[in-house]
Amino acid sequence: MTALIGMLPTIFLFVVSYMRMEGREPWPLTLPCAFGLTLFCYIVFDYLLALPWPRPLIGILYPELADIIPSIG
């Protein structure tokens, strides 16, 4: 999934799906956790460590999405 849509969207979708399916957590807990972890990963890996994001397939096919989702560019 990371190779297709990118690292940050995959992190968000994984946290949401895992918390809802395995943990049976309610939406008011699931969404803040997913947003928080995604934001944390973005800040740490993009700003603090300045690591390059792997280029996903969707970023190659639709480069204009890089303005919306940072890890696609």
N, C-alpha and C. Protein backbone atom coordinates (compact mmCIF):
# COMPACT_ATOMS: atom_id res chain seq x y z
N MET A 1 0.83 -1.19 0.00
CA MET A 1 0.00 0.00 0.00
C MET A 1 0.88 1.25 0.00
N THR A 2 2.00 1.19 0.69
CA THR A 2 2.91 2.32 0.72
C THR A 2 3.44 2.63 -0.68
N ALA A 3 3.76 1.60 -1.43
CA ALA A 3 4.27 1.80 -2.79
C ALA A 3 3.21 2.41 -3.70
N LEU A 4 1.95 2.18 -3.41
CA LEU A 4 0.88 2.69 -4.25
C LEU A 4 0.46 4.11 -3.88
N ILE A 5 0.18 4.38 -2.60
CA ILE A 5 -0.38 5.68 -2.23
C ILE A 5 0.55 6.54 -1.38
N GLY A 6 1.62 6.00 -0.85
CA GLY A 6 2.56 6.81 -0.07
C GLY A 6 2.56 6.43 1.41
N MET A 7 3.59 6.87 2.09
CA MET A 7 3.79 6.50 3.48
C MET A 7 2.76 7.12 4.42
N LEU A 8 2.52 8.42 4.34
CA LEU A 8 1.61 9.07 5.28
C LEU A 8 0.17 8.60 5.14
N PRO A 9 -0.38 8.51 3.92
CA PRO A 9 -1.74 7.99 3.83
C PRO A 9 -1.85 6.54 4.30
N THR A 10 -0.81 5.75 4.09
CA THR A 10 -0.82 4.36 4.55
C THR A 10 -0.81 4.29 6.07
N ILE A 11 -0.04 5.15 6.71
CA ILE A 11 -0.03 5.18 8.18
C ILE A 11 -1.41 5.51 8.70
N PHE A 12 -2.04 6.52 8.13
CA PHE A 12 -3.38 6.92 8.57
C PHE A 12 -4.38 5.79 8.38
N LEU A 13 -4.41 5.19 7.19
CA LEU A 13 -5.37 4.11 6.92
C LEU A 13 -5.11 2.88 7.77
N PHE A 14 -3.84 2.57 8.03
CA PHE A 14 -3.52 1.42 8.87
C PHE A 14 -4.01 1.63 10.29
N VAL A 15 -3.77 2.79 10.86
CA VAL A 15 -4.19 3.05 12.24
C VAL A 15 -5.71 3.00 12.34
N VAL A 16 -6.41 3.62 11.39
CA VAL A 16 -7.87 3.61 11.41
C VAL A 16 -8.40 2.18 11.29
N SER A 17 -7.91 1.45 10.32
CA SER A 17 -8.42 0.09 10.11
C SER A 17 -8.08 -0.83 11.29
N TYR A 18 -6.89 -0.72 11.84
CA TYR A 18 -6.51 -1.58 12.95
C TYR A 18 -7.33 -1.26 14.20
N MET A 19 -7.47 0.01 14.51
CA MET A 19 -8.22 0.39 15.71
C MET A 19 -9.70 0.04 15.59
N ARG A 20 -10.26 0.17 14.40
CA ARG A 20 -11.69 -0.13 14.23
C ARG A 20 -11.95 -1.63 14.14
N MET A 21 -11.13 -2.37 13.42
CA MET A 21 -11.40 -3.79 13.22
C MET A 21 -10.91 -4.65 14.39
N GLU A 22 -9.67 -4.44 14.81
CA GLU A 22 -9.10 -5.29 15.86
C GLU A 22 -9.46 -4.80 17.26
N GLY A 23 -9.37 -3.50 17.45
CA GLY A 23 -9.60 -2.96 18.78
C GLY A 23 -11.04 -2.61 19.07
N ARG A 24 -11.87 -2.53 18.03
CA ARG A 24 -13.28 -2.14 18.18
C ARG A 24 -13.41 -0.81 18.94
N GLU A 25 -12.49 0.10 18.64
CA GLU A 25 -12.49 1.41 19.29
C GLU A 25 -13.51 2.32 18.62
N PRO A 26 -14.08 3.27 19.36
CA PRO A 26 -15.05 4.20 18.76
C PRO A 26 -14.34 5.25 17.89
N TRP A 27 -15.10 5.83 16.98
CA TRP A 27 -14.56 6.84 16.06
C TRP A 27 -13.95 8.03 16.79
N PRO A 28 -14.56 8.53 17.90
CA PRO A 28 -13.94 9.68 18.58
C PRO A 28 -12.54 9.40 19.13
N LEU A 29 -12.18 8.15 19.32
CA LEU A 29 -10.83 7.80 19.75
C LEU A 29 -9.94 7.47 18.55
N THR A 30 -10.52 6.82 17.57
CA THR A 30 -9.75 6.36 16.41
C THR A 30 -9.20 7.50 15.58
N LEU A 31 -10.03 8.45 15.22
CA LEU A 31 -9.59 9.53 14.33
C LEU A 31 -8.51 10.43 14.93
N PRO A 32 -8.63 10.87 16.19
CA PRO A 32 -7.52 11.67 16.75
C PRO A 32 -6.20 10.89 16.83
N CYS A 33 -6.28 9.60 17.14
CA CYS A 33 -5.05 8.78 17.18
C CYS A 33 -4.42 8.68 15.79
N ALA A 34 -5.25 8.46 14.77
CA ALA A 34 -4.73 8.34 13.41
C ALA A 34 -4.14 9.66 12.93
N PHE A 35 -4.85 10.76 13.16
CA PHE A 35 -4.32 12.07 12.77
C PHE A 35 -3.05 12.40 13.54
N GLY A 36 -3.06 12.10 14.83
CA GLY A 36 -1.90 12.40 15.67
C GLY A 36 -0.65 11.64 15.25
N LEU A 37 -0.78 10.35 14.99
CA LEU A 37 0.38 9.56 14.58
C LEU A 37 0.87 9.99 13.20
N THR A 38 -0.05 10.29 12.29
CA THR A 38 0.34 10.74 10.96
C THR A 38 1.07 12.08 11.04
N LEU A 39 0.55 13.00 11.84
CA LEU A 39 1.19 14.30 12.01
C LEU A 39 2.56 14.14 12.68
N PHE A 40 2.63 13.29 13.69
CA PHE A 40 3.90 13.03 14.36
C PHE A 40 4.95 12.50 13.38
N CYS A 41 4.57 11.53 12.57
CA CYS A 41 5.50 10.96 11.58
C CYS A 41 5.92 12.01 10.56
N TYR A 42 4.99 12.85 10.15
CA TYR A 42 5.31 13.91 9.19
C TYR A 42 6.33 14.88 9.78
N ILE A 43 6.10 15.32 11.01
CA ILE A 43 7.01 16.28 11.64
C ILE A 43 8.39 15.66 11.87
N VAL A 44 8.43 14.46 12.40
CA VAL A 44 9.72 13.83 12.71
C VAL A 44 10.52 13.54 11.45
N PHE A 45 9.90 12.89 10.47
CA PHE A 45 10.66 12.44 9.31
C PHE A 45 10.85 13.51 8.25
N ASP A 46 9.96 14.50 8.19
CA ASP A 46 10.10 15.54 7.17
C ASP A 46 10.88 16.74 7.69
N TYR A 47 10.57 17.20 8.89
CA TYR A 47 11.21 18.40 9.41
C TYR A 47 12.45 18.12 10.25
N LEU A 48 12.35 17.23 11.21
CA LEU A 48 13.47 17.02 12.12
C LEU A 48 14.60 16.20 11.49
N LEU A 49 14.26 15.11 10.81
CA LEU A 49 15.29 14.27 10.20
C LEU A 49 15.56 14.60 8.74
N ALA A 50 14.63 15.30 8.11
CA ALA A 50 14.75 15.71 6.70
C ALA A 50 15.05 14.52 5.78
N LEU A 51 14.36 13.42 6.02
CA LEU A 51 14.53 12.25 5.18
C LEU A 51 13.63 12.35 3.94
N PRO A 52 14.11 11.90 2.80
CA PRO A 52 13.25 11.93 1.61
C PRO A 52 12.19 10.84 1.70
N TRP A 53 10.99 11.17 1.24
CA TRP A 53 9.89 10.20 1.22
C TRP A 53 10.04 9.31 0.01
N PRO A 54 9.73 8.02 0.13
CA PRO A 54 9.75 7.16 -1.06
C PRO A 54 8.68 7.60 -2.04
N ARG A 55 8.98 7.54 -3.30
CA ARG A 55 8.06 8.02 -4.34
C ARG A 55 7.03 6.93 -4.66
N PRO A 56 5.74 7.17 -4.37
CA PRO A 56 4.72 6.17 -4.65
C PRO A 56 4.28 6.20 -6.11
N LEU A 57 3.64 5.15 -6.53
CA LEU A 57 3.16 5.03 -7.90
C LEU A 57 2.16 6.13 -8.24
N ILE A 58 1.28 6.46 -7.33
CA ILE A 58 0.27 7.48 -7.61
C ILE A 58 0.92 8.86 -7.80
N GLY A 59 2.06 9.09 -7.12
CA GLY A 59 2.78 10.34 -7.30
C GLY A 59 3.44 10.45 -8.66
N ILE A 60 3.80 9.32 -9.23
CA ILE A 60 4.39 9.31 -10.56
C ILE A 60 3.30 9.53 -11.61
N LEU A 61 2.13 8.91 -11.38
CA LEU A 61 1.03 9.04 -12.34
C LEU A 61 0.32 10.39 -12.25
N TYR A 62 0.19 10.93 -11.02
CA TYR A 62 -0.51 12.20 -10.79
C TYR A 62 0.36 13.13 -9.96
N PRO A 63 1.33 13.81 -10.56
CA PRO A 63 2.26 14.64 -9.78
C PRO A 63 1.59 15.86 -9.13
N GLU A 64 0.41 16.27 -9.58
CA GLU A 64 -0.26 17.41 -8.97
C GLU A 64 -0.76 17.12 -7.55
N LEU A 65 -0.83 15.86 -7.16
CA LEU A 65 -1.24 15.50 -5.80
C LEU A 65 -0.16 15.84 -4.77
N ALA A 66 1.03 16.12 -5.21
CA ALA A 66 2.12 16.46 -4.29
C ALA A 66 1.84 17.75 -3.52
N ASP A 67 1.00 18.62 -4.06
CA ASP A 67 0.63 19.84 -3.35
C ASP A 67 -0.31 19.54 -2.18
N ILE A 68 -1.05 18.45 -2.25
CA ILE A 68 -2.04 18.10 -1.23
C ILE A 68 -1.44 17.16 -0.19
N ILE A 69 -0.73 16.13 -0.64
CA ILE A 69 -0.16 15.11 0.25
C ILE A 69 1.36 15.18 0.14
N PRO A 70 2.05 15.63 1.21
CA PRO A 70 3.49 15.86 1.13
C PRO A 70 4.31 14.63 0.75
N SER A 71 3.92 13.46 1.21
CA SER A 71 4.76 12.28 0.96
C SER A 71 4.63 11.75 -0.45
N ILE A 72 3.78 12.34 -1.27
CA ILE A 72 3.63 11.89 -2.67
C ILE A 72 4.67 12.53 -3.58
N GLY A 73 5.11 13.73 -3.24
CA GLY A 73 5.99 14.50 -4.10
C GLY A 73 7.35 14.04 -4.24
